[in-house]
N, C-alpha and C. Protein backbone atom coordinates (compact mmCIF):
# COMPACT_ATOMS: atom_id res chain seq x y z
N MET A 1 -55.81 120.03 -120.58
CA MET A 1 -55.68 118.61 -120.85
C MET A 1 -56.74 117.84 -120.05
N PRO A 2 -57.52 116.94 -120.70
CA PRO A 2 -58.58 116.23 -119.99
C PRO A 2 -58.01 115.28 -118.94
N GLU A 3 -58.78 115.12 -117.87
CA GLU A 3 -58.42 114.20 -116.79
C GLU A 3 -58.55 112.76 -117.29
N ALA A 4 -57.62 111.91 -116.92
CA ALA A 4 -57.68 110.50 -117.32
C ALA A 4 -58.88 109.83 -116.67
N ALA A 5 -59.34 108.74 -117.26
CA ALA A 5 -60.43 107.97 -116.67
C ALA A 5 -59.95 107.34 -115.36
N TYR A 6 -60.88 107.21 -114.41
CA TYR A 6 -60.59 106.51 -113.15
C TYR A 6 -61.20 105.11 -113.27
N ILE A 7 -60.40 104.10 -113.03
CA ILE A 7 -60.85 102.71 -113.05
C ILE A 7 -60.59 102.13 -111.66
N HIS A 8 -61.64 101.76 -110.94
CA HIS A 8 -61.49 101.17 -109.60
C HIS A 8 -60.71 99.86 -109.73
N PRO A 9 -59.86 99.55 -108.74
CA PRO A 9 -59.04 98.34 -108.82
C PRO A 9 -59.85 97.04 -108.99
N SER A 10 -61.09 97.01 -108.51
CA SER A 10 -61.89 95.78 -108.64
C SER A 10 -62.60 95.66 -109.98
N ALA A 11 -62.57 96.72 -110.78
CA ALA A 11 -63.23 96.68 -112.10
C ALA A 11 -62.38 95.87 -113.07
N HIS A 12 -63.07 95.26 -114.04
CA HIS A 12 -62.35 94.54 -115.10
C HIS A 12 -62.70 95.22 -116.42
N VAL A 13 -61.71 95.90 -116.98
CA VAL A 13 -61.87 96.57 -118.27
C VAL A 13 -60.97 95.87 -119.27
N ASP A 14 -61.57 95.26 -120.27
CA ASP A 14 -60.79 94.58 -121.30
C ASP A 14 -59.87 95.59 -121.98
N PRO A 15 -58.63 95.22 -122.26
CA PRO A 15 -57.70 96.17 -122.89
C PRO A 15 -58.16 96.62 -124.29
N ARG A 16 -59.10 95.91 -124.90
CA ARG A 16 -59.62 96.31 -126.21
C ARG A 16 -60.83 97.22 -126.12
N ALA A 17 -61.23 97.58 -124.89
CA ALA A 17 -62.32 98.54 -124.68
C ALA A 17 -61.72 99.94 -124.60
N ILE A 18 -62.55 100.93 -124.88
CA ILE A 18 -62.12 102.34 -124.78
C ILE A 18 -62.97 103.02 -123.71
N VAL A 19 -62.29 103.66 -122.76
CA VAL A 19 -62.97 104.43 -121.72
C VAL A 19 -62.48 105.86 -121.85
N GLY A 20 -63.40 106.77 -122.12
CA GLY A 20 -63.05 108.16 -122.38
C GLY A 20 -62.51 108.90 -121.17
N PRO A 21 -61.80 110.00 -121.43
CA PRO A 21 -61.22 110.80 -120.35
C PRO A 21 -62.30 111.36 -119.43
N GLY A 22 -61.97 111.42 -118.14
CA GLY A 22 -62.88 111.96 -117.15
C GLY A 22 -63.95 110.98 -116.70
N SER A 23 -64.02 109.80 -117.30
CA SER A 23 -65.02 108.81 -116.90
C SER A 23 -64.57 108.12 -115.62
N LYS A 24 -65.56 107.64 -114.86
CA LYS A 24 -65.29 106.93 -113.62
C LYS A 24 -65.96 105.56 -113.68
N VAL A 25 -65.15 104.53 -113.47
CA VAL A 25 -65.61 103.15 -113.52
C VAL A 25 -65.42 102.59 -112.11
N TRP A 26 -66.54 102.27 -111.44
CA TRP A 26 -66.49 101.95 -110.02
C TRP A 26 -66.40 100.46 -109.74
N ILE A 27 -66.73 100.08 -108.52
CA ILE A 27 -66.50 98.75 -107.95
C ILE A 27 -67.21 97.66 -108.77
N ASN A 28 -66.46 96.62 -109.10
CA ASN A 28 -66.97 95.41 -109.75
C ASN A 28 -67.61 95.63 -111.12
N VAL A 29 -67.26 96.69 -111.79
CA VAL A 29 -67.77 96.92 -113.15
C VAL A 29 -67.01 96.02 -114.11
N GLN A 30 -67.71 95.48 -115.10
CA GLN A 30 -67.04 94.73 -116.17
C GLN A 30 -67.35 95.40 -117.49
N ILE A 31 -66.31 95.73 -118.24
CA ILE A 31 -66.44 96.30 -119.58
C ILE A 31 -65.71 95.37 -120.54
N ARG A 32 -66.46 94.83 -121.49
CA ARG A 32 -65.90 93.83 -122.39
C ARG A 32 -65.23 94.45 -123.61
N GLU A 33 -64.59 93.59 -124.40
CA GLU A 33 -63.83 93.99 -125.58
C GLU A 33 -64.69 94.75 -126.57
N GLY A 34 -64.11 95.78 -127.14
CA GLY A 34 -64.78 96.54 -128.18
C GLY A 34 -65.81 97.53 -127.69
N ALA A 35 -66.09 97.57 -126.39
CA ALA A 35 -67.02 98.57 -125.86
C ALA A 35 -66.35 99.94 -125.92
N VAL A 36 -67.17 100.96 -126.17
CA VAL A 36 -66.66 102.33 -126.22
C VAL A 36 -67.49 103.15 -125.23
N ILE A 37 -66.80 103.70 -124.23
CA ILE A 37 -67.43 104.54 -123.21
C ILE A 37 -66.94 105.96 -123.46
N GLY A 38 -67.86 106.90 -123.63
CA GLY A 38 -67.48 108.28 -123.91
C GLY A 38 -66.83 108.95 -122.72
N SER A 39 -66.47 110.21 -122.90
CA SER A 39 -65.83 110.98 -121.84
C SER A 39 -66.86 111.36 -120.76
N ASP A 40 -66.36 111.55 -119.55
CA ASP A 40 -67.14 112.08 -118.43
C ASP A 40 -68.37 111.24 -118.08
N CYS A 41 -68.26 109.93 -118.22
CA CYS A 41 -69.34 109.01 -117.84
C CYS A 41 -69.10 108.49 -116.43
N ILE A 42 -70.17 108.02 -115.80
CA ILE A 42 -70.07 107.34 -114.51
C ILE A 42 -70.72 105.98 -114.66
N LEU A 43 -69.94 104.93 -114.41
CA LEU A 43 -70.45 103.56 -114.39
C LEU A 43 -70.36 103.09 -112.94
N SER A 44 -71.50 102.97 -112.27
CA SER A 44 -71.55 102.67 -110.85
C SER A 44 -71.35 101.18 -110.57
N LYS A 45 -71.38 100.84 -109.30
CA LYS A 45 -71.08 99.49 -108.82
C LYS A 45 -71.86 98.40 -109.57
N ASP A 46 -71.15 97.33 -109.92
CA ASP A 46 -71.72 96.11 -110.50
C ASP A 46 -72.35 96.29 -111.88
N VAL A 47 -71.95 97.29 -112.63
CA VAL A 47 -72.45 97.48 -114.00
C VAL A 47 -71.74 96.50 -114.93
N TYR A 48 -72.51 95.96 -115.88
CA TYR A 48 -71.96 95.07 -116.91
C TYR A 48 -72.17 95.71 -118.27
N ILE A 49 -71.07 95.92 -119.00
CA ILE A 49 -71.10 96.46 -120.36
C ILE A 49 -70.58 95.37 -121.29
N ASP A 50 -71.45 94.87 -122.14
CA ASP A 50 -71.10 93.77 -123.05
C ASP A 50 -70.18 94.27 -124.17
N HIS A 51 -69.68 93.31 -124.96
CA HIS A 51 -68.79 93.67 -126.07
C HIS A 51 -69.55 94.51 -127.10
N ALA A 52 -68.82 95.44 -127.71
CA ALA A 52 -69.31 96.26 -128.82
C ALA A 52 -70.44 97.22 -128.43
N VAL A 53 -70.68 97.45 -127.14
CA VAL A 53 -71.65 98.46 -126.71
C VAL A 53 -71.03 99.84 -126.88
N THR A 54 -71.85 100.82 -127.26
CA THR A 54 -71.37 102.20 -127.36
C THR A 54 -72.17 103.08 -126.40
N ILE A 55 -71.45 103.81 -125.57
CA ILE A 55 -72.06 104.74 -124.61
C ILE A 55 -71.49 106.12 -124.89
N GLY A 56 -72.37 107.09 -125.09
CA GLY A 56 -71.96 108.45 -125.43
C GLY A 56 -71.33 109.20 -124.27
N ARG A 57 -71.07 110.48 -124.50
CA ARG A 57 -70.43 111.34 -123.49
C ARG A 57 -71.42 111.70 -122.37
N GLY A 58 -70.89 111.81 -121.14
CA GLY A 58 -71.66 112.35 -120.03
C GLY A 58 -72.81 111.47 -119.56
N CYS A 59 -72.73 110.18 -119.79
CA CYS A 59 -73.80 109.27 -119.35
C CYS A 59 -73.58 108.85 -117.90
N LYS A 60 -74.68 108.54 -117.22
CA LYS A 60 -74.62 108.03 -115.86
C LYS A 60 -75.39 106.71 -115.83
N VAL A 61 -74.68 105.62 -115.52
CA VAL A 61 -75.26 104.29 -115.45
C VAL A 61 -75.13 103.83 -114.00
N GLN A 62 -76.27 103.67 -113.33
CA GLN A 62 -76.25 103.37 -111.91
C GLN A 62 -76.10 101.88 -111.62
N ASN A 63 -76.06 101.53 -110.32
CA ASN A 63 -75.72 100.20 -109.84
C ASN A 63 -76.49 99.07 -110.52
N SER A 64 -75.78 98.01 -110.82
CA SER A 64 -76.33 96.72 -111.25
C SER A 64 -77.08 96.76 -112.58
N VAL A 65 -76.69 97.66 -113.47
CA VAL A 65 -77.30 97.73 -114.80
C VAL A 65 -76.53 96.80 -115.74
N SER A 66 -77.27 96.11 -116.61
CA SER A 66 -76.67 95.28 -117.64
C SER A 66 -77.00 95.88 -119.00
N ILE A 67 -75.96 96.18 -119.78
CA ILE A 67 -76.15 96.72 -121.12
C ILE A 67 -75.47 95.75 -122.09
N TYR A 68 -76.30 95.09 -122.92
CA TYR A 68 -75.81 94.02 -123.77
C TYR A 68 -75.47 94.49 -125.18
N ASN A 69 -74.68 93.67 -125.86
CA ASN A 69 -74.27 93.91 -127.24
C ASN A 69 -75.49 94.32 -128.08
N GLY A 70 -75.30 95.36 -128.89
CA GLY A 70 -76.38 95.86 -129.73
C GLY A 70 -76.98 97.14 -129.21
N VAL A 71 -76.64 97.53 -127.98
CA VAL A 71 -77.20 98.74 -127.39
C VAL A 71 -76.27 99.92 -127.63
N THR A 72 -76.86 101.03 -128.03
CA THR A 72 -76.14 102.29 -128.17
C THR A 72 -76.85 103.35 -127.33
N LEU A 73 -76.10 103.99 -126.43
CA LEU A 73 -76.64 105.10 -125.66
C LEU A 73 -76.07 106.39 -126.22
N GLY A 74 -76.92 107.37 -126.48
CA GLY A 74 -76.46 108.69 -126.92
C GLY A 74 -75.79 109.43 -125.78
N ASP A 75 -75.48 110.69 -126.00
CA ASP A 75 -74.85 111.51 -124.97
C ASP A 75 -75.84 111.83 -123.84
N ALA A 76 -75.30 111.98 -122.63
CA ALA A 76 -76.06 112.44 -121.46
C ALA A 76 -77.27 111.58 -121.13
N VAL A 77 -77.18 110.28 -121.36
CA VAL A 77 -78.26 109.36 -121.01
C VAL A 77 -78.09 108.95 -119.55
N PHE A 78 -79.22 108.88 -118.83
CA PHE A 78 -79.25 108.40 -117.45
C PHE A 78 -79.91 107.03 -117.44
N VAL A 79 -79.28 106.07 -116.75
CA VAL A 79 -79.87 104.74 -116.59
C VAL A 79 -79.90 104.41 -115.10
N GLY A 80 -81.11 104.24 -114.56
CA GLY A 80 -81.29 103.99 -113.13
C GLY A 80 -80.88 102.59 -112.72
N PRO A 81 -80.76 102.37 -111.40
CA PRO A 81 -80.27 101.09 -110.90
C PRO A 81 -81.13 99.91 -111.35
N ASN A 82 -80.45 98.81 -111.64
CA ASN A 82 -81.06 97.53 -111.99
C ASN A 82 -81.83 97.53 -113.31
N ALA A 83 -81.69 98.55 -114.11
CA ALA A 83 -82.30 98.52 -115.44
C ALA A 83 -81.59 97.47 -116.28
N CYS A 84 -82.31 96.93 -117.25
CA CYS A 84 -81.71 95.89 -118.10
C CYS A 84 -82.13 96.10 -119.55
N PHE A 85 -81.16 95.95 -120.42
CA PHE A 85 -81.38 96.02 -121.87
C PHE A 85 -81.20 94.61 -122.42
N THR A 86 -82.17 94.12 -123.18
CA THR A 86 -82.04 92.79 -123.78
C THR A 86 -81.48 92.95 -125.19
N ASN A 87 -81.07 91.84 -125.80
CA ASN A 87 -80.59 91.91 -127.18
C ASN A 87 -81.02 90.70 -128.01
N ASP A 88 -81.96 89.95 -127.51
CA ASP A 88 -82.36 88.72 -128.18
C ASP A 88 -83.88 88.63 -128.20
N LYS A 89 -84.48 88.66 -129.39
CA LYS A 89 -85.94 88.58 -129.53
C LYS A 89 -86.49 87.21 -129.18
N VAL A 90 -85.69 86.17 -129.38
CA VAL A 90 -86.14 84.80 -129.09
C VAL A 90 -85.06 84.12 -128.25
N PRO A 91 -85.01 84.42 -126.95
CA PRO A 91 -83.92 83.88 -126.13
C PRO A 91 -84.04 82.37 -125.92
N ARG A 92 -82.97 81.70 -126.20
CA ARG A 92 -82.83 80.26 -125.99
C ARG A 92 -81.39 79.99 -125.59
N ALA A 93 -81.19 78.94 -124.79
CA ALA A 93 -79.83 78.59 -124.38
C ALA A 93 -78.97 78.18 -125.57
N ASP A 94 -79.59 77.54 -126.54
CA ASP A 94 -78.85 77.10 -127.71
C ASP A 94 -79.65 77.48 -128.95
N ASN A 95 -79.18 78.49 -129.67
CA ASN A 95 -79.88 78.95 -130.87
C ASN A 95 -78.85 79.27 -131.94
N PRO A 96 -78.63 78.37 -132.88
CA PRO A 96 -77.61 78.59 -133.90
C PRO A 96 -77.94 79.77 -134.84
N ASP A 97 -79.18 80.19 -134.87
CA ASP A 97 -79.59 81.31 -135.74
C ASP A 97 -79.63 82.64 -135.00
N TRP A 98 -79.07 82.70 -133.78
CA TRP A 98 -79.15 83.89 -132.95
C TRP A 98 -78.50 85.10 -133.63
N THR A 99 -79.18 86.21 -133.57
CA THR A 99 -78.62 87.48 -134.05
C THR A 99 -78.94 88.57 -133.04
N VAL A 100 -78.06 89.54 -132.95
CA VAL A 100 -78.27 90.70 -132.07
C VAL A 100 -79.34 91.58 -132.68
N THR A 101 -80.27 92.04 -131.85
CA THR A 101 -81.28 93.00 -132.27
C THR A 101 -80.93 94.34 -131.64
N PRO A 102 -80.56 95.35 -132.44
CA PRO A 102 -80.06 96.61 -131.89
C PRO A 102 -81.13 97.44 -131.18
N THR A 103 -80.68 98.21 -130.21
CA THR A 103 -81.50 99.15 -129.44
C THR A 103 -80.75 100.47 -129.38
N ASP A 104 -81.46 101.57 -129.65
CA ASP A 104 -80.85 102.90 -129.61
C ASP A 104 -81.57 103.78 -128.60
N VAL A 105 -80.78 104.45 -127.76
CA VAL A 105 -81.31 105.38 -126.77
C VAL A 105 -80.77 106.76 -127.11
N GLY A 106 -81.67 107.71 -127.36
CA GLY A 106 -81.29 109.04 -127.81
C GLY A 106 -80.68 109.92 -126.73
N THR A 107 -80.03 110.96 -127.17
CA THR A 107 -79.39 111.94 -126.30
C THR A 107 -80.35 112.43 -125.22
N GLY A 108 -79.86 112.46 -123.99
CA GLY A 108 -80.60 113.03 -122.88
C GLY A 108 -81.74 112.20 -122.34
N ALA A 109 -81.95 111.00 -122.88
CA ALA A 109 -83.05 110.15 -122.40
C ALA A 109 -82.75 109.67 -120.98
N SER A 110 -83.81 109.30 -120.27
CA SER A 110 -83.69 108.82 -118.89
C SER A 110 -84.44 107.50 -118.76
N ILE A 111 -83.74 106.48 -118.25
CA ILE A 111 -84.32 105.16 -118.04
C ILE A 111 -84.41 104.93 -116.54
N GLY A 112 -85.62 104.72 -116.02
CA GLY A 112 -85.82 104.59 -114.58
C GLY A 112 -85.32 103.27 -114.01
N ALA A 113 -85.23 103.25 -112.68
CA ALA A 113 -84.78 102.05 -111.97
C ALA A 113 -85.66 100.86 -112.31
N ASN A 114 -85.03 99.71 -112.46
CA ASN A 114 -85.71 98.44 -112.72
C ASN A 114 -86.49 98.39 -114.03
N ALA A 115 -86.27 99.33 -114.92
CA ALA A 115 -86.92 99.27 -116.23
C ALA A 115 -86.27 98.17 -117.06
N THR A 116 -87.06 97.58 -117.94
CA THR A 116 -86.54 96.60 -118.90
C THR A 116 -86.79 97.15 -120.29
N ILE A 117 -85.73 97.19 -121.08
CA ILE A 117 -85.83 97.67 -122.45
C ILE A 117 -85.67 96.46 -123.37
N VAL A 118 -86.79 96.05 -123.98
CA VAL A 118 -86.76 94.91 -124.88
C VAL A 118 -86.09 95.34 -126.18
N CYS A 119 -85.22 94.51 -126.69
CA CYS A 119 -84.39 94.88 -127.84
C CYS A 119 -85.23 95.24 -129.07
N GLY A 120 -84.58 96.03 -129.93
CA GLY A 120 -85.20 96.42 -131.19
C GLY A 120 -85.95 97.72 -131.14
N VAL A 121 -85.93 98.41 -130.01
CA VAL A 121 -86.65 99.68 -129.91
C VAL A 121 -85.69 100.86 -130.02
N THR A 122 -86.28 102.01 -130.32
CA THR A 122 -85.57 103.28 -130.26
C THR A 122 -86.26 104.13 -129.21
N ILE A 123 -85.47 104.64 -128.29
CA ILE A 123 -85.99 105.57 -127.29
C ILE A 123 -85.49 106.94 -127.70
N GLY A 124 -86.42 107.84 -127.98
CA GLY A 124 -86.08 109.15 -128.54
C GLY A 124 -85.35 110.05 -127.56
N GLU A 125 -84.79 111.12 -128.12
CA GLU A 125 -84.03 112.05 -127.30
C GLU A 125 -84.92 112.66 -126.22
N TYR A 126 -84.35 112.79 -125.03
CA TYR A 126 -84.98 113.38 -123.85
C TYR A 126 -86.25 112.67 -123.40
N ALA A 127 -86.52 111.47 -123.93
CA ALA A 127 -87.66 110.69 -123.45
C ALA A 127 -87.38 110.24 -122.02
N MET A 128 -88.44 109.91 -121.30
CA MET A 128 -88.30 109.45 -119.93
C MET A 128 -89.09 108.16 -119.76
N VAL A 129 -88.37 107.10 -119.35
CA VAL A 129 -88.97 105.80 -119.07
C VAL A 129 -89.09 105.69 -117.55
N ALA A 130 -90.31 105.53 -117.05
CA ALA A 130 -90.53 105.48 -115.60
C ALA A 130 -89.94 104.22 -114.99
N ALA A 131 -89.69 104.28 -113.70
CA ALA A 131 -89.17 103.13 -112.97
C ALA A 131 -90.09 101.94 -113.15
N GLY A 132 -89.50 100.78 -113.40
CA GLY A 132 -90.24 99.54 -113.52
C GLY A 132 -90.95 99.31 -114.84
N ALA A 133 -90.87 100.26 -115.75
CA ALA A 133 -91.55 100.12 -117.04
C ALA A 133 -90.90 99.02 -117.87
N VAL A 134 -91.69 98.40 -118.73
CA VAL A 134 -91.19 97.41 -119.67
C VAL A 134 -91.45 97.97 -121.06
N VAL A 135 -90.38 98.42 -121.72
CA VAL A 135 -90.50 99.08 -123.02
C VAL A 135 -90.43 98.01 -124.10
N THR A 136 -91.53 97.88 -124.87
CA THR A 136 -91.62 96.86 -125.91
C THR A 136 -91.74 97.46 -127.30
N ARG A 137 -91.82 98.79 -127.37
CA ARG A 137 -91.91 99.47 -128.67
C ARG A 137 -91.27 100.84 -128.56
N ASP A 138 -91.07 101.48 -129.71
CA ASP A 138 -90.38 102.76 -129.76
C ASP A 138 -91.04 103.79 -128.85
N VAL A 139 -90.19 104.69 -128.31
CA VAL A 139 -90.66 105.81 -127.49
C VAL A 139 -90.26 107.09 -128.22
N ALA A 140 -91.24 107.93 -128.50
CA ALA A 140 -90.98 109.18 -129.22
C ALA A 140 -90.15 110.14 -128.37
N PRO A 141 -89.41 111.04 -129.01
CA PRO A 141 -88.67 112.04 -128.26
C PRO A 141 -89.57 112.81 -127.30
N TYR A 142 -89.03 113.18 -126.13
CA TYR A 142 -89.71 114.00 -125.13
C TYR A 142 -90.99 113.36 -124.60
N THR A 143 -91.10 112.04 -124.67
CA THR A 143 -92.30 111.34 -124.21
C THR A 143 -92.02 110.63 -122.89
N LEU A 144 -92.99 110.69 -121.97
CA LEU A 144 -92.93 109.96 -120.71
C LEU A 144 -93.74 108.68 -120.87
N VAL A 145 -93.11 107.52 -120.61
CA VAL A 145 -93.81 106.24 -120.66
C VAL A 145 -93.71 105.55 -119.32
N MET A 146 -94.75 104.77 -119.00
CA MET A 146 -94.72 103.98 -117.76
C MET A 146 -95.62 102.76 -117.92
N GLY A 147 -95.38 101.79 -117.06
CA GLY A 147 -96.22 100.60 -117.02
C GLY A 147 -95.61 99.40 -117.73
N ASN A 148 -96.40 98.30 -117.73
CA ASN A 148 -96.00 97.06 -118.37
C ASN A 148 -97.19 96.51 -119.16
N PRO A 149 -97.12 96.62 -120.48
CA PRO A 149 -96.07 97.26 -121.28
C PRO A 149 -96.14 98.78 -121.14
N ALA A 150 -95.01 99.43 -121.39
CA ALA A 150 -94.94 100.89 -121.23
C ALA A 150 -95.90 101.58 -122.20
N ARG A 151 -96.60 102.57 -121.69
CA ARG A 151 -97.54 103.38 -122.48
C ARG A 151 -97.22 104.85 -122.28
N ALA A 152 -97.39 105.63 -123.32
CA ALA A 152 -97.16 107.07 -123.23
C ALA A 152 -98.23 107.69 -122.34
N VAL A 153 -97.79 108.50 -121.38
CA VAL A 153 -98.72 109.17 -120.46
C VAL A 153 -98.55 110.68 -120.47
N GLY A 154 -97.60 111.20 -121.22
CA GLY A 154 -97.40 112.64 -121.27
C GLY A 154 -96.12 112.99 -122.00
N LYS A 155 -95.83 114.26 -121.97
CA LYS A 155 -94.62 114.79 -122.58
C LYS A 155 -93.76 115.42 -121.49
N VAL A 156 -92.45 115.44 -121.72
CA VAL A 156 -91.51 116.07 -120.80
C VAL A 156 -90.63 117.05 -121.58
N ASP A 157 -90.03 117.97 -120.85
CA ASP A 157 -89.06 118.86 -121.50
C ASP A 157 -87.66 118.26 -121.36
N ALA A 158 -86.66 118.94 -121.85
CA ALA A 158 -85.30 118.41 -121.85
C ALA A 158 -84.77 118.16 -120.43
N ALA A 159 -85.33 118.87 -119.43
CA ALA A 159 -84.91 118.67 -118.05
C ALA A 159 -85.68 117.55 -117.37
N GLY A 160 -86.66 116.96 -118.06
CA GLY A 160 -87.44 115.87 -117.49
C GLY A 160 -88.71 116.31 -116.80
N ASN A 161 -89.02 117.61 -116.84
CA ASN A 161 -90.25 118.11 -116.23
C ASN A 161 -91.44 117.77 -117.11
N ARG A 162 -92.49 117.30 -116.50
CA ARG A 162 -93.70 116.95 -117.24
C ARG A 162 -94.37 118.22 -117.75
N VAL A 163 -94.66 118.24 -119.04
CA VAL A 163 -95.29 119.42 -119.64
C VAL A 163 -96.71 119.15 -120.10
N THR A 164 -97.13 117.87 -120.13
CA THR A 164 -98.53 117.51 -120.34
C THR A 164 -98.87 116.42 -119.34
N VAL A 165 -100.14 116.35 -118.95
CA VAL A 165 -100.55 115.36 -117.97
C VAL A 165 -101.07 114.10 -118.62
N ASP A 166 -101.84 114.24 -119.67
CA ASP A 166 -102.40 113.08 -120.36
C ASP A 166 -101.71 112.88 -121.67
N ALA A 167 -101.75 111.67 -122.16
CA ALA A 167 -101.15 111.38 -123.47
C ALA A 167 -101.90 112.12 -124.56
N PRO A 168 -101.22 112.95 -125.34
CA PRO A 168 -101.89 113.65 -126.44
C PRO A 168 -102.41 112.65 -127.47
N GLU A 169 -103.38 113.08 -128.24
CA GLU A 169 -103.98 112.26 -129.31
C GLU A 169 -102.91 111.65 -130.21
N GLY A 170 -102.99 110.36 -130.44
CA GLY A 170 -102.09 109.69 -131.36
C GLY A 170 -100.70 109.41 -130.81
N MET A 171 -100.46 109.74 -129.52
CA MET A 171 -99.12 109.58 -128.97
C MET A 171 -98.84 108.13 -128.60
N ASP A 172 -99.87 107.34 -128.38
CA ASP A 172 -99.68 105.97 -127.91
C ASP A 172 -99.98 105.02 -129.03
């Protein structure tokens, strides 16, 4: 029988959210209505999960990450501290035409600390986004990107080890 999810007493989990068995929700985490957190995930201190976000199984989301409506994380995704996912292409305080722009992160992908993922992109499976990168366009599977704006600089294997040093022809 799977272990129940652990919810720290200071966390606020809306009763309409789903937190999978074996997951751990730590200090000051907020999970809004309709969010679905898979089994065996770790949501570290001060994480914010907006309504209708989907997080796959075995994900690790580190301190102070904000994941907004429209974002889907596949299984075994790592998100480093202070990373942020946006969901609005034209942010304004008052926009009656506002719509969510979806972002998808593939299985096994890794998002580095302080990275910003601009909405509307797909990050492929096992891709690696370097710390501080600003992702403004799709990232192919198994690709390492870095910089602002993020540029492909090589390929990685499923464990995150770099397997090429320079960006192959046509990769960027």
